[in-house]
Amino acid sequence: MRPETAPVKALIALIRRHMARAMTTPSGLDDRRNAAFAWSRFRKMLRAMAAASLAFAFAVAALVWWHSGPLPVVFVIMTVIGVWMTIMMAALLMGLMFLSSGTGHDAQVEDRVSKDVLGEDE
């Protein structure tokens, strides 16, 4: 065995031991009924945000049109798509955060940084 591989193998063994005990409690999405409810609520929220962000995107395009005068159709289309995609990306990421929190994923993660590095208690 080469000397430079010994620390790597020790690190891999440490990671495997940690991963084996890191997530011992079952996830909230392991229950089919809980998962179906959570995903349906997530999809419903995204549909509502898609409609609201599309209305807001058209409002922004109308405001730009009113402020600047007649615009090329391509400019209006790209403005609507850009505003809509920006809001939808934020809604998607925020929705996934609420999904993971609501199903118990956040509670089952072990926070070793606060204990070991920062010296904080829970």
PDB file of N, CA and C in Angstrom:
ATOM      1  N   MET A   1       0.848  -1.168   0.000  1.00  0.00           N
ATOM      2  CA  MET A   1       0.000   0.000   0.000  1.00  0.00           C
ATOM      3  C   MET A   1       0.897   1.236   0.000  1.00  0.00           C
ATOM      4  N   ARG A   2       0.536   2.187  -0.888  1.00  0.00           N
ATOM      5  CA  ARG A   2       1.308   3.416  -0.957  1.00  0.00           C
ATOM      6  C   ARG A   2       0.956   4.307   0.235  1.00  0.00           C
ATOM      7  N   PRO A   3       1.885   5.079   0.758  1.00  0.00           N
ATOM      8  CA  PRO A   3       1.614   5.904   1.935  1.00  0.00           C
ATOM      9  C   PRO A   3       0.541   6.972   1.696  1.00  0.00           C
ATOM     10  N   GLU A   4       0.428   7.508   0.441  1.00  0.00           N
ATOM     11  CA  GLU A   4      -0.537   8.571   0.224  1.00  0.00           C
ATOM     12  C   GLU A   4      -1.976   8.059   0.151  1.00  0.00           C
ATOM     13  N   THR A   5      -2.189   6.756   0.010  1.00  0.00           N
ATOM     14  CA  THR A   5      -3.551   6.240  -0.054  1.00  0.00           C
ATOM     15  C   THR A   5      -4.108   5.893   1.320  1.00  0.00           C
ATOM     16  N   ALA A   6      -3.275   5.777   2.338  1.00  0.00           N
ATOM     17  CA  ALA A   6      -3.762   5.451   3.680  1.00  0.00           C
ATOM     18  C   ALA A   6      -4.708   6.513   4.236  1.00  0.00           C
ATOM     19  N   PRO A   7      -4.399   7.814   4.127  1.00  0.00           N
ATOM     20  CA  PRO A   7      -5.363   8.805   4.624  1.00  0.00           C
ATOM     21  C   PRO A   7      -6.671   8.794   3.838  1.00  0.00           C
ATOM     22  N   VAL A   8      -6.574   8.515   2.542  1.00  0.00           N
ATOM     23  CA  VAL A   8      -7.789   8.477   1.718  1.00  0.00           C
ATOM     24  C   VAL A   8      -8.675   7.317   2.147  1.00  0.00           C
ATOM     25  N   LYS A   9      -8.090   6.158   2.379  1.00  0.00           N
ATOM     26  CA  LYS A   9      -8.868   4.995   2.817  1.00  0.00           C
ATOM     27  C   LYS A   9      -9.466   5.223   4.201  1.00  0.00           C
ATOM     28  N   ALA A  10      -8.733   5.887   5.079  1.00  0.00           N
ATOM     29  CA  ALA A  10      -9.277   6.197   6.406  1.00  0.00           C
ATOM     30  C   ALA A  10     -10.445   7.169   6.303  1.00  0.00           C
ATOM     31  N   LEU A  11     -10.331   8.138   5.415  1.00  0.00           N
ATOM     32  CA  LEU A  11     -11.423   9.087   5.215  1.00  0.00           C
ATOM     33  C   LEU A  11     -12.658   8.396   4.646  1.00  0.00           C
ATOM     34  N   ILE A  12     -12.468   7.499   3.702  1.00  0.00           N
ATOM     35  CA  ILE A  12     -13.597   6.760   3.122  1.00  0.00           C
ATOM     36  C   ILE A  12     -14.263   5.894   4.180  1.00  0.00           C
ATOM     37  N   ALA A  13     -13.484   5.239   5.032  1.00  0.00           N
ATOM     38  CA  ALA A  13     -14.062   4.420   6.100  1.00  0.00           C
ATOM     39  C   ALA A  13     -14.854   5.280   7.079  1.00  0.00           C
ATOM     40  N   LEU A  14     -14.344   6.462   7.401  1.00  0.00           N
ATOM     41  CA  LEU A  14     -15.054   7.374   8.291  1.00  0.00           C
ATOM     42  C   LEU A  14     -16.378   7.836   7.673  1.00  0.00           C
ATOM     43  N   ILE A  15     -16.360   8.145   6.400  1.00  0.00           N
ATOM     44  CA  ILE A  15     -17.576   8.583   5.709  1.00  0.00           C
ATOM     45  C   ILE A  15     -18.601   7.460   5.665  1.00  0.00           C
ATOM     46  N   ARG A  16     -18.171   6.236   5.398  1.00  0.00           N
ATOM     47  CA  ARG A  16     -19.105   5.105   5.353  1.00  0.00           C
ATOM     48  C   ARG A  16     -19.750   4.860   6.717  1.00  0.00           C
ATOM     49  N   ARG A  17     -18.965   4.964   7.791  1.00  0.00           N
ATOM     50  CA  ARG A  17     -19.544   4.795   9.134  1.00  0.00           C
ATOM     51  C   ARG A  17     -20.568   5.883   9.416  1.00  0.00           C
ATOM     52  N   HIS A  18     -20.243   7.109   9.037  1.00  0.00           N
ATOM     53  CA  HIS A  18     -21.169   8.219   9.267  1.00  0.00           C
ATOM     54  C   HIS A  18     -22.437   8.054   8.435  1.00  0.00           C
ATOM     55  N   MET A  19     -22.308   7.665   7.186  1.00  0.00           N
ATOM     56  CA  MET A  19     -23.480   7.517   6.314  1.00  0.00           C
ATOM     57  C   MET A  19     -24.376   6.380   6.787  1.00  0.00           C
ATOM     58  N   ALA A  20     -23.807   5.381   7.398  1.00  0.00           N
ATOM     59  CA  ALA A  20     -24.613   4.255   7.868  1.00  0.00           C
ATOM     60  C   ALA A  20     -25.525   4.668   9.016  1.00  0.00           C
ATOM     61  N   ARG A  21     -25.104   5.656   9.812  1.00  0.00           N
ATOM     62  CA  ARG A  21     -25.926   6.057  10.951  1.00  0.00           C
ATOM     63  C   ARG A  21     -26.541   7.443  10.781  1.00  0.00           C
ATOM     64  N   ALA A  22     -26.289   8.119   9.661  1.00  0.00           N
ATOM     65  CA  ALA A  22     -26.724   9.500   9.502  1.00  0.00           C
ATOM     66  C   ALA A  22     -28.238   9.630   9.374  1.00  0.00           C
ATOM     67  N   MET A  23     -28.884   8.736   8.635  1.00  0.00           N
ATOM     68  CA  MET A  23     -30.313   8.855   8.405  1.00  0.00           C
ATOM     69  C   MET A  23     -30.994   7.558   8.809  1.00  0.00           C
ATOM     70  N   THR A  24     -31.133   7.355  10.100  1.00  0.00           N
ATOM     71  CA  THR A  24     -31.704   6.103  10.590  1.00  0.00           C
ATOM     72  C   THR A  24     -33.214   6.145  10.710  1.00  0.00           C
ATOM     73  N   THR A  25     -33.797   7.341  10.876  1.00  0.00           N
ATOM     74  CA  THR A  25     -35.253   7.423  10.974  1.00  0.00           C
ATOM     75  C   THR A  25     -35.851   7.452   9.574  1.00  0.00           C
ATOM     76  N   PRO A  26     -37.010   6.840   9.393  1.00  0.00           N
ATOM     77  CA  PRO A  26     -37.599   6.814   8.052  1.00  0.00           C
ATOM     78  C   PRO A  26     -38.049   8.209   7.617  1.00  0.00           C
ATOM     79  N   SER A  27     -37.982   8.430   6.338  1.00  0.00           N
ATOM     80  CA  SER A  27     -38.376   9.707   5.774  1.00  0.00           C
ATOM     81  C   SER A  27     -39.890   9.842   5.757  1.00  0.00           C
ATOM     82  N   GLY A  28     -40.372  11.082   5.760  1.00  0.00           N
ATOM     83  CA  GLY A  28     -41.801  11.310   5.679  1.00  0.00           C
ATOM     84  C   GLY A  28     -42.394  10.894   4.348  1.00  0.00           C
ATOM     85  N   LEU A  29     -41.552  10.824   3.309  1.00  0.00           N
ATOM     86  CA  LEU A  29     -42.036  10.421   1.995  1.00  0.00           C
ATOM     87  C   LEU A  29     -42.021   8.908   1.804  1.00  0.00           C
ATOM     88  N   ASP A  30     -41.573   8.156   2.813  1.00  0.00           N
ATOM     89  CA  ASP A  30     -41.626   6.699   2.720  1.00  0.00           C
ATOM     90  C   ASP A  30     -43.054   6.187   2.849  1.00  0.00           C
ATOM     91  N   ASP A  31     -43.905   6.899   3.556  1.00  0.00           N
ATOM     92  CA  ASP A  31     -45.311   6.563   3.663  1.00  0.00           C
ATOM     93  C   ASP A  31     -46.019   7.045   2.392  1.00  0.00           C
ATOM     94  N   ARG A  32     -46.680   6.139   1.683  1.00  0.00           N
ATOM     95  CA  ARG A  32     -47.293   6.471   0.395  1.00  0.00           C
ATOM     96  C   ARG A  32     -48.367   7.549   0.521  1.00  0.00           C
ATOM     97  N   ARG A  33     -49.191   7.486   1.548  1.00  0.00           N
ATOM     98  CA  ARG A  33     -50.261   8.475   1.713  1.00  0.00           C
ATOM     99  C   ARG A  33     -49.677   9.851   2.022  1.00  0.00           C
ATOM    100  N   ASN A  34     -48.681   9.871   2.881  1.00  0.00           N
ATOM    101  CA  ASN A  34     -48.023  11.132   3.210  1.00  0.00           C
ATOM    102  C   ASN A  34     -47.337  11.717   1.976  1.00  0.00           C
ATOM    103  N   ALA A  35     -46.681  10.863   1.201  1.00  0.00           N
ATOM    104  CA  ALA A  35     -45.998  11.326  -0.007  1.00  0.00           C
ATOM    105  C   ALA A  35     -46.995  11.847  -1.035  1.00  0.00           C
ATOM    106  N   ALA A  36     -48.110  11.140  -1.218  1.00  0.00           N
ATOM    107  CA  ALA A  36     -49.116  11.589  -2.181  1.00  0.00           C
ATOM    108  C   ALA A  36     -49.689  12.945  -1.783  1.00  0.00           C
ATOM    109  N   PHE A  37     -49.962  13.122  -0.504  1.00  0.00           N
ATOM    110  CA  PHE A  37     -50.486  14.402  -0.022  1.00  0.00           C
ATOM    111  C   PHE A  37     -49.463  15.523  -0.219  1.00  0.00           C
ATOM    112  N   ALA A  38     -48.213  15.243   0.133  1.00  0.00           N
ATOM    113  CA  ALA A  38     -47.171  16.273   0.034  1.00  0.00           C
ATOM    114  C   ALA A  38     -46.935  16.688  -1.418  1.00  0.00           C
ATOM    115  N   TRP A  39     -46.846  15.713  -2.321  1.00  0.00           N
ATOM    116  CA  TRP A  39     -46.606  16.043  -3.720  1.00  0.00           C
ATOM    117  C   TRP A  39     -47.807  16.722  -4.362  1.00  0.00           C
ATOM    118  N   SER A  40     -49.028  16.342  -3.976  1.00  0.00           N
ATOM    119  CA  SER A  40     -50.200  17.019  -4.544  1.00  0.00           C
ATOM    120  C   SER A  40     -50.259  18.471  -4.066  1.00  0.00           C
ATOM    121  N   ARG A  41     -49.921  18.708  -2.804  1.00  0.00           N
ATOM    122  CA  ARG A  41     -49.881  20.078  -2.292  1.00  0.00           C
ATOM    123  C   ARG A  41     -48.788  20.885  -3.003  1.00  0.00           C
ATOM    124  N   PHE A  42     -47.651  20.255  -3.277  1.00  0.00           N
ATOM    125  CA  PHE A  42     -46.552  20.913  -3.984  1.00  0.00           C
ATOM    126  C   PHE A  42     -46.983  21.292  -5.403  1.00  0.00           C
ATOM    127  N   ARG A  43     -47.637  20.363  -6.116  1.00  0.00           N
ATOM    128  CA  ARG A  43     -48.090  20.651  -7.476  1.00  0.00           C
ATOM    129  C   ARG A  43     -49.163  21.746  -7.494  1.00  0.00           C
ATOM    130  N   LYS A  44     -50.055  21.714  -6.515  1.00  0.00           N
ATOM    131  CA  LYS A  44     -51.103  22.735  -6.428  1.00  0.00           C
ATOM    132  C   LYS A  44     -50.483  24.115  -6.203  1.00  0.00           C
ATOM    133  N   MET A  45     -49.477  24.178  -5.350  1.00  0.00           N
ATOM    134  CA  MET A  45     -48.812  25.438  -5.090  1.00  0.00           C
ATOM    135  C   MET A  45     -48.090  25.938  -6.346  1.00  0.00           C
ATOM    136  N   LEU A  46     -47.452  25.032  -7.084  1.00  0.00           N
ATOM    137  CA  LEU A  46     -46.753  25.454  -8.297  1.00  0.00           C
ATOM    138  C   LEU A  46     -47.724  25.931  -9.371  1.00  0.00           C
ATOM    139  N   ARG A  47     -48.893  25.275  -9.490  1.00  0.00           N
ATOM    140  CA  ARG A  47     -49.892  25.730 -10.459  1.00  0.00           C
ATOM    141  C   ARG A  47     -50.375  27.140 -10.106  1.00  0.00           C
ATOM    142  N   ALA A  48     -50.627  27.388  -8.839  1.00  0.00           N
ATOM    143  CA  ALA A  48     -51.070  28.716  -8.419  1.00  0.00           C
ATOM    144  C   ALA A  48     -49.984  29.756  -8.679  1.00  0.00           C
ATOM    145  N   MET A  49     -48.745  29.402  -8.406  1.00  0.00           N
ATOM    146  CA  MET A  49     -47.640  30.336  -8.643  1.00  0.00           C
ATOM    147  C   MET A  49     -47.424  30.560 -10.141  1.00  0.00           C
ATOM    148  N   ALA A  50     -47.663  29.543 -10.965  1.00  0.00           N
ATOM    149  CA  ALA A  50     -47.521  29.708 -12.416  1.00  0.00           C
ATOM    150  C   ALA A  50     -48.542  30.711 -12.933  1.00  0.00           C
ATOM    151  N   ALA A  51     -49.776  30.599 -12.456  1.00  0.00           N
ATOM    152  CA  ALA A  51     -50.813  31.531 -12.893  1.00  0.00           C
ATOM    153  C   ALA A  51     -50.512  32.949 -12.400  1.00  0.00           C
ATOM    154  N   ALA A  52     -50.141  33.079 -11.143  1.00  0.00           N
ATOM    155  CA  ALA A  52     -49.852  34.405 -10.591  1.00  0.00           C
ATOM    156  C   ALA A  52     -48.633  35.035 -11.261  1.00  0.00           C
ATOM    157  N   SER A  53     -47.603  34.251 -11.499  1.00  0.00           N
ATOM    158  CA  SER A  53     -46.399  34.809 -12.118  1.00  0.00           C
ATOM    159  C   SER A  53     -46.635  35.147 -13.585  1.00  0.00           C
ATOM    160  N   LEU A  54     -47.506  34.399 -14.275  1.00  0.00           N
ATOM    161  CA  LEU A  54     -47.830  34.753 -15.654  1.00  0.00           C
ATOM    162  C   LEU A  54     -48.580  36.079 -15.697  1.00  0.00           C
ATOM    163  N   ALA A  55     -49.515  36.269 -14.775  1.00  0.00           N
ATOM    164  CA  ALA A  55     -50.229  37.545 -14.701  1.00  0.00           C
ATOM    165  C   ALA A  55     -49.260  38.682 -14.385  1.00  0.00           C
ATOM    166  N   PHE A  56     -48.346  38.445 -13.472  1.00  0.00           N
ATOM    167  CA  PHE A  56     -47.365  39.470 -13.117  1.00  0.00           C
ATOM    168  C   PHE A  56     -46.433  39.763 -14.291  1.00  0.00           C
ATOM    169  N   ALA A  57     -46.039  38.722 -15.044  1.00  0.00           N
ATOM    170  CA  ALA A  57     -45.160  38.917 -16.197  1.00  0.00           C
ATOM    171  C   ALA A  57     -45.845  39.765 -17.264  1.00  0.00           C
ATOM    172  N   PHE A  58     -47.145  39.515 -17.516  1.00  0.00           N
ATOM    173  CA  PHE A  58     -47.869  40.349 -18.471  1.00  0.00           C
ATOM    174  C   PHE A  58     -48.024  41.779 -17.952  1.00  0.00           C
ATOM    175  N   ALA A  59     -48.173  41.933 -16.653  1.00  0.00           N
ATOM    176  CA  ALA A  59     -48.260  43.271 -16.075  1.00  0.00           C
ATOM    177  C   ALA A  59     -46.943  44.021 -16.253  1.00  0.00           C
ATOM    178  N   VAL A  60     -45.836  43.344 -16.087  1.00  0.00           N
ATOM    179  CA  VAL A  60     -44.520  43.976 -16.285  1.00  0.00           C
ATOM    180  C   VAL A  60     -44.348  44.365 -17.750  1.00  0.00           C
ATOM    181  N   ALA A  61     -44.742  43.458 -18.665  1.00  0.00           N
ATOM    182  CA  ALA A  61     -44.631  43.772 -20.092  1.00  0.00           C
ATOM    183  C   ALA A  61     -45.520  44.964 -20.457  1.00  0.00           C
ATOM    184  N   ALA A  62     -46.720  45.024 -19.883  1.00  0.00           N
ATOM    185  CA  ALA A  62     -47.605  46.163 -20.148  1.00  0.00           C
ATOM    186  C   ALA A  62     -47.025  47.454 -19.588  1.00  0.00           C
ATOM    187  N   LEU A  63     -46.405  47.374 -18.416  1.00  0.00           N
ATOM    188  CA  LEU A  63     -45.774  48.553 -17.827  1.00  0.00           C
ATOM    189  C   LEU A  63     -44.623  49.043 -18.693  1.00  0.00           C
ATOM    190  N   VAL A  64     -43.805  48.141 -19.190  1.00  0.00           N
ATOM    191  CA  VAL A  64     -42.698  48.531 -20.074  1.00  0.00           C
ATOM    192  C   VAL A  64     -43.250  49.117 -21.367  1.00  0.00           C
ATOM    193  N   TRP A  65     -44.305  48.522 -21.917  1.00  0.00           N
ATOM    194  CA  TRP A  65     -44.934  49.019 -23.137  1.00  0.00           C
ATOM    195  C   TRP A  65     -45.478  50.437 -22.907  1.00  0.00           C
ATOM    196  N   TRP A  66     -46.138  50.648 -21.762  1.00  0.00           N
ATOM    197  CA  TRP A  66     -46.721  51.952 -21.449  1.00  0.00           C
ATOM    198  C   TRP A  66     -45.633  53.011 -21.259  1.00  0.00           C
ATOM    199  N   HIS A  67     -44.539  52.588 -20.619  1.00  0.00           N
ATOM    200  CA  HIS A  67     -43.461  53.536 -20.325  1.00  0.00           C
ATOM    201  C   HIS A  67     -42.628  53.863 -21.557  1.00  0.00           C
ATOM    202  N   SER A  68     -42.390  52.873 -22.422  1.00  0.00           N
ATOM    203  CA  SER A  68     -41.477  53.057 -23.554  1.00  0.00           C
ATOM    204  C   SER A  68     -42.163  53.217 -24.896  1.00  0.00           C
ATOM    205  N   GLY A  69     -43.444  53.005 -24.946  1.00  0.00           N
ATOM    206  CA  GLY A  69     -44.141  53.061 -26.228  1.00  0.00           C
ATOM    207  C   GLY A  69     -44.176  51.677 -26.871  1.00  0.00           C
ATOM    208  N   PRO A  70     -44.650  51.596 -28.101  1.00  0.00           N
ATOM    209  CA  PRO A  70     -44.753  50.297 -28.777  1.00  0.00           C
ATOM    210  C   PRO A  70     -43.392  49.595 -28.876  1.00  0.00           C
ATOM    211  N   LEU A  71     -43.410  48.302 -28.584  1.00  0.00           N
ATOM    212  CA  LEU A  71     -42.186  47.509 -28.572  1.00  0.00           C
ATOM    213  C   LEU A  71     -42.302  46.378 -29.586  1.00  0.00           C
ATOM    214  N   PRO A  72     -41.187  45.863 -30.058  1.00  0.00           N
ATOM    215  CA  PRO A  72     -41.258  44.680 -30.929  1.00  0.00           C
ATOM    216  C   PRO A  72     -41.868  43.501 -30.165  1.00  0.00           C
ATOM    217  N   VAL A  73     -42.589  42.661 -30.877  1.00  0.00           N
ATOM    218  CA  VAL A  73     -43.266  41.523 -30.263  1.00  0.00           C
ATOM    219  C   VAL A  73     -42.257  40.579 -29.608  1.00  0.00           C
ATOM    220  N   VAL A  74     -41.119  40.419 -30.216  1.00  0.00           N
ATOM    221  CA  VAL A  74     -40.092  39.533 -29.661  1.00  0.00           C
ATOM    222  C   VAL A  74     -39.629  40.044 -28.299  1.00  0.00           C
ATOM    223  N   PHE A  75     -39.495  41.341 -28.156  1.00  0.00           N
ATOM    224  CA  PHE A  75     -39.088  41.931 -26.879  1.00  0.00           C
ATOM    225  C   PHE A  75     -40.127  41.665 -25.796  1.00  0.00           C
ATOM    226  N   VAL A  76     -41.397  41.810 -26.143  1.00  0.00           N
ATOM    227  CA  VAL A  76     -42.469  41.568 -25.180  1.00  0.00           C
ATOM    228  C   VAL A  76     -42.492  40.090 -24.781  1.00  0.00           C
ATOM    229  N   ILE A  77     -42.369  39.214 -25.753  1.00  0.00           N
ATOM    230  CA  ILE A  77     -42.379  37.770 -25.474  1.00  0.00           C
ATOM    231  C   ILE A  77     -41.206  37.394 -24.577  1.00  0.00           C
ATOM    232  N   MET A  78     -40.032  37.899 -24.874  1.00  0.00           N
ATOM    233  CA  MET A  78     -38.848  37.568 -24.062  1.00  0.00           C
ATOM    234  C   MET A  78     -38.950  38.164 -22.662  1.00  0.00           C
ATOM    235  N   THR A  79     -39.562  39.313 -22.528  1.00  0.00           N
ATOM    236  CA  THR A  79     -39.776  39.902 -21.204  1.00  0.00           C
ATOM    237  C   THR A  79     -40.712  39.040 -20.375  1.00  0.00           C
ATOM    238  N   VAL A  80     -41.826  38.621 -20.994  1.00  0.00           N
ATOM    239  CA  VAL A  80     -42.786  37.773 -20.285  1.00  0.00           C
ATOM    240  C   VAL A  80     -42.133  36.449 -19.884  1.00  0.00           C
ATOM    241  N   ILE A  81     -41.402  35.831 -20.796  1.00  0.00           N
ATOM    242  CA  ILE A  81     -40.754  34.545 -20.484  1.00  0.00           C
ATOM    243  C   ILE A  81     -39.700  34.723 -19.387  1.00  0.00           C
ATOM    244  N   GLY A  82     -38.903  35.780 -19.462  1.00  0.00           N
ATOM    245  CA  GLY A  82     -37.862  36.006 -18.459  1.00  0.00           C
ATOM    246  C   GLY A  82     -38.424  36.237 -17.066  1.00  0.00           C
ATOM    247  N   VAL A  83     -39.454  37.073 -16.976  1.00  0.00           N
ATOM    248  CA  VAL A  83     -40.063  37.340 -15.670  1.00  0.00           C
ATOM    249  C   VAL A  83     -40.734  36.067 -15.140  1.00  0.00           C
ATOM    250  N   TRP A  84     -41.455  35.363 -16.003  1.00  0.00           N
ATOM    251  CA  TRP A  84     -42.152  34.148 -15.582  1.00  0.00           C
ATOM    252  C   TRP A  84     -41.164  33.075 -15.100  1.00  0.00           C
ATOM    253  N   MET A  85     -40.093  32.865 -15.854  1.00  0.00           N
ATOM    254  CA  MET A  85     -39.112  31.842 -15.468  1.00  0.00           C
ATOM    255  C   MET A  85     -38.401  32.202 -14.164  1.00  0.00           C
ATOM    256  N   THR A  86     -38.110  33.460 -13.954  1.00  0.00           N
ATOM    257  CA  THR A  86     -37.450  33.877 -12.713  1.00  0.00           C
ATOM    258  C   THR A  86     -38.335  33.608 -11.504  1.00  0.00           C
ATOM    259  N   ILE A  87     -39.602  33.990 -11.610  1.00  0.00           N
ATOM    260  CA  ILE A  87     -40.519  33.764 -10.490  1.00  0.00           C
ATOM    261  C   ILE A  87     -40.757  32.272 -10.279  1.00  0.00           C
ATOM    262  N   MET A  88     -40.877  31.512 -11.355  1.00  0.00           N
ATOM    263  CA  MET A  88     -41.123  30.066 -11.221  1.00  0.00           C
ATOM    264  C   MET A  88     -39.918  29.345 -10.607  1.00  0.00           C
ATOM    265  N   MET A  89     -38.718  29.784 -10.918  1.00  0.00           N
ATOM    266  CA  MET A  89     -37.535  29.160 -10.302  1.00  0.00           C
ATOM    267  C   MET A  89     -37.522  29.423  -8.801  1.00  0.00           C
ATOM    268  N   ALA A  90     -37.849  30.640  -8.411  1.00  0.00           N
ATOM    269  CA  ALA A  90     -37.916  30.948  -6.980  1.00  0.00           C
ATOM    270  C   ALA A  90     -39.024  30.152  -6.300  1.00  0.00           C
ATOM    271  N   ALA A  91     -40.181  30.022  -6.958  1.00  0.00           N
ATOM    272  CA  ALA A  91     -41.293  29.256  -6.383  1.00  0.00           C
ATOM    273  C   ALA A  91     -40.947  27.781  -6.274  1.00  0.00           C
ATOM    274  N   LEU A  92     -40.267  27.255  -7.270  1.00  0.00           N
ATOM    275  CA  LEU A  92     -39.875  25.840  -7.245  1.00  0.00           C
ATOM    276  C   LEU A  92     -38.909  25.556  -6.098  1.00  0.00           C
ATOM    277  N   LEU A  93     -37.901  26.372  -5.953  1.00  0.00           N
ATOM    278  CA  LEU A  93     -36.928  26.152  -4.884  1.00  0.00           C
ATOM    279  C   LEU A  93     -37.545  26.352  -3.502  1.00  0.00           C
ATOM    280  N   MET A  94     -38.395  27.348  -3.364  1.00  0.00           N
ATOM    281  CA  MET A  94     -39.048  27.589  -2.080  1.00  0.00           C
ATOM    282  C   MET A  94     -40.023  26.459  -1.774  1.00  0.00           C
ATOM    283  N   GLY A  95     -40.739  25.984  -2.789  1.00  0.00           N
ATOM    284  CA  GLY A  95     -41.657  24.863  -2.595  1.00  0.00           C
ATOM    285  C   GLY A  95     -40.942  23.595  -2.187  1.00  0.00           C
ATOM    286  N   LEU A  96     -39.789  23.321  -2.775  1.00  0.00           N
ATOM    287  CA  LEU A  96     -39.009  22.146  -2.374  1.00  0.00           C
ATOM    288  C   LEU A  96     -38.503  22.283  -0.952  1.00  0.00           C
ATOM    289  N   MET A  97     -38.176  23.503  -0.543  1.00  0.00           N
ATOM    290  CA  MET A  97     -37.750  23.710   0.833  1.00  0.00           C
ATOM    291  C   MET A  97     -38.897  23.413   1.806  1.00  0.00           C
ATOM    292  N   PHE A  98     -40.091  23.889   1.488  1.00  0.00           N
ATOM    293  CA  PHE A  98     -41.244  23.603   2.340  1.00  0.00           C
ATOM    294  C   PHE A  98     -41.611  22.129   2.304  1.00  0.00           C
ATOM    295  N   LEU A  99     -41.439  21.475   1.148  1.00  0.00           N
ATOM    296  CA  LEU A  99     -41.729  20.045   1.036  1.00  0.00           C
ATOM    297  C   LEU A  99     -40.793  19.242   1.933  1.00  0.00           C
ATOM    298  N   SER A 100     -39.511  19.550   1.908  1.00  0.00           N
ATOM    299  CA  SER A 100     -38.561  18.798   2.733  1.00  0.00           C
ATOM    300  C   SER A 100     -38.776  19.064   4.213  1.00  0.00           C
ATOM    301  N   SER A 101     -39.162  20.276   4.557  1.00  0.00           N
ATOM    302  CA  SER A 101     -39.423  20.588   5.951  1.00  0.00           C
ATOM    303  C   SER A 101     -40.715  19.940   6.435  1.00  0.00           C
ATOM    304  N   GLY A 102     -41.747  19.967   5.603  1.00  0.00           N
ATOM    305  CA  GLY A 102     -43.047  19.433   5.998  1.00  0.00           C
ATOM    306  C   GLY A 102     -43.092  17.926   6.107  1.00  0.00           C
ATOM    307  N   THR A 103     -42.203  17.225   5.385  1.00  0.00           N
ATOM    308  CA  THR A 103     -42.224  15.763   5.417  1.00  0.00           C
ATOM    309  C   THR A 103     -41.215  15.186   6.398  1.00  0.00           C
ATOM    310  N   GLY A 104     -40.449  16.021   7.063  1.00  0.00           N
ATOM    311  CA  GLY A 104     -39.524  15.532   8.078  1.00  0.00           C
ATOM    312  C   GLY A 104     -38.106  15.301   7.608  1.00  0.00           C
ATOM    313  N   HIS A 105     -37.796  15.634   6.364  1.00  0.00           N
ATOM    314  CA  HIS A 105     -36.428  15.448   5.878  1.00  0.00           C
ATOM    315  C   HIS A 105     -35.432  16.319   6.643  1.00  0.00           C
ATOM    316  N   ASP A 106     -35.824  17.518   6.960  1.00  0.00           N
ATOM    317  CA  ASP A 106     -34.907  18.431   7.651  1.00  0.00           C
ATOM    318  C   ASP A 106     -34.634  17.975   9.079  1.00  0.00           C
ATOM    319  N   ALA A 107     -35.635  17.388   9.721  1.00  0.00           N
ATOM    320  CA  ALA A 107     -35.473  16.979  11.118  1.00  0.00           C
ATOM    321  C   ALA A 107     -34.581  15.758  11.268  1.00  0.00           C
ATOM    322  N   GLN A 108     -34.463  14.955  10.215  1.00  0.00           N
ATOM    323  CA  GLN A 108     -33.692  13.725  10.358  1.00  0.00           C
ATOM    324  C   GLN A 108     -32.213  13.880   9.995  1.00  0.00           C
ATOM    325  N   VAL A 109     -31.810  15.041   9.535  1.00  0.00           N
ATOM    326  CA  VAL A 109     -30.415  15.269   9.192  1.00  0.00           C
ATOM    327  C   VAL A 109     -29.647  15.609  10.462  1.00  0.00           C
ATOM    328  N   GLU A 110     -28.509  14.956  10.649  1.00  0.00           N
ATOM    329  CA  GLU A 110     -27.680  15.185  11.833  1.00  0.00           C
ATOM    330  C   GLU A 110     -26.747  16.366  11.569  1.00  0.00           C
ATOM    331  N   ASP A 111     -26.774  17.361  12.424  1.00  0.00           N
ATOM    332  CA  ASP A 111     -25.952  18.558  12.263  1.00  0.00           C
ATOM    333  C   ASP A 111     -24.661  18.387  13.057  1.00  0.00           C
ATOM    334  N   ARG A 112     -23.648  17.844  12.399  1.00  0.00           N
ATOM    335  CA  ARG A 112     -22.376  17.623  13.080  1.00  0.00           C
ATOM    336  C   ARG A 112     -21.524  18.871  13.104  1.00  0.00           C
ATOM    337  N   VAL A 113     -21.752  19.805  12.196  1.00  0.00           N
ATOM    338  CA  VAL A 113     -20.928  21.010  12.150  1.00  0.00           C
ATOM    339  C   VAL A 113     -21.134  21.859  13.394  1.00  0.00           C
ATOM    340  N   SER A 114     -22.382  22.036  13.800  1.00  0.00           N
ATOM    341  CA  SER A 114     -22.636  22.864  14.964  1.00  0.00           C
ATOM    342  C   SER A 114     -22.046  22.261  16.233  1.00  0.00           C
ATOM    343  N   LYS A 115     -22.093  20.945  16.341  1.00  0.00           N
ATOM    344  CA  LYS A 115     -21.574  20.294  17.539  1.00  0.00           C
ATOM    345  C   LYS A 115     -20.041  20.293  17.551  1.00  0.00           C
ATOM    346  N   ASP A 116     -19.450  19.812  16.467  1.00  0.00           N
ATOM    347  CA  ASP A 116     -18.009  19.606  16.434  1.00  0.00           C
ATOM    348  C   ASP A 116     -17.214  20.887  16.190  1.00  0.00           C
ATOM    349  N   VAL A 117     -17.640  21.663  15.240  1.00  0.00           N
ATOM    350  CA  VAL A 117     -16.835  22.827  14.833  1.00  0.00           C
ATOM    351  C   VAL A 117     -17.194  24.068  15.645  1.00  0.00           C
ATOM    352  N   LEU A 118     -18.485  24.349  15.749  1.00  0.00           N
ATOM    353  CA  LEU A 118     -18.893  25.578  16.409  1.00  0.00           C
ATOM    354  C   LEU A 118     -19.066  25.446  17.903  1.00  0.00           C
ATOM    355  N   GLY A 119     -19.180  24.213  18.395  1.00  0.00           N
ATOM    356  CA  GLY A 119     -19.335  23.982  19.815  1.00  0.00           C
ATOM    357  C   GLY A 119     -20.714  24.300  20.338  1.00  0.00           C
ATOM    358  N   GLU A 120     -21.718  24.332  19.455  1.00  0.00           N
ATOM    359  CA  GLU A 120     -23.081  24.668  19.857  1.00  0.00           C
ATOM    360  C   GLU A 120     -23.839  23.413  20.273  1.00  0.00           C
ATOM    361  N   ASP A 121     -24.758  23.590  21.211  1.00  0.00           N
ATOM    362  CA  ASP A 121     -25.662  22.516  21.566  1.00  0.00           C
ATOM    363  C   ASP A 121     -26.994  22.759  20.885  1.00  0.00           C
ATOM    364  N   GLU A 122     -27.813  21.733  20.840  1.00  0.00           N
ATOM    365  CA  GLU A 122     -29.106  21.867  20.158  1.00  0.00           C
ATOM    366  C   GLU A 122     -30.114  22.551  20.982  1.00  0.00           C
TER     367      GLU A 122
END
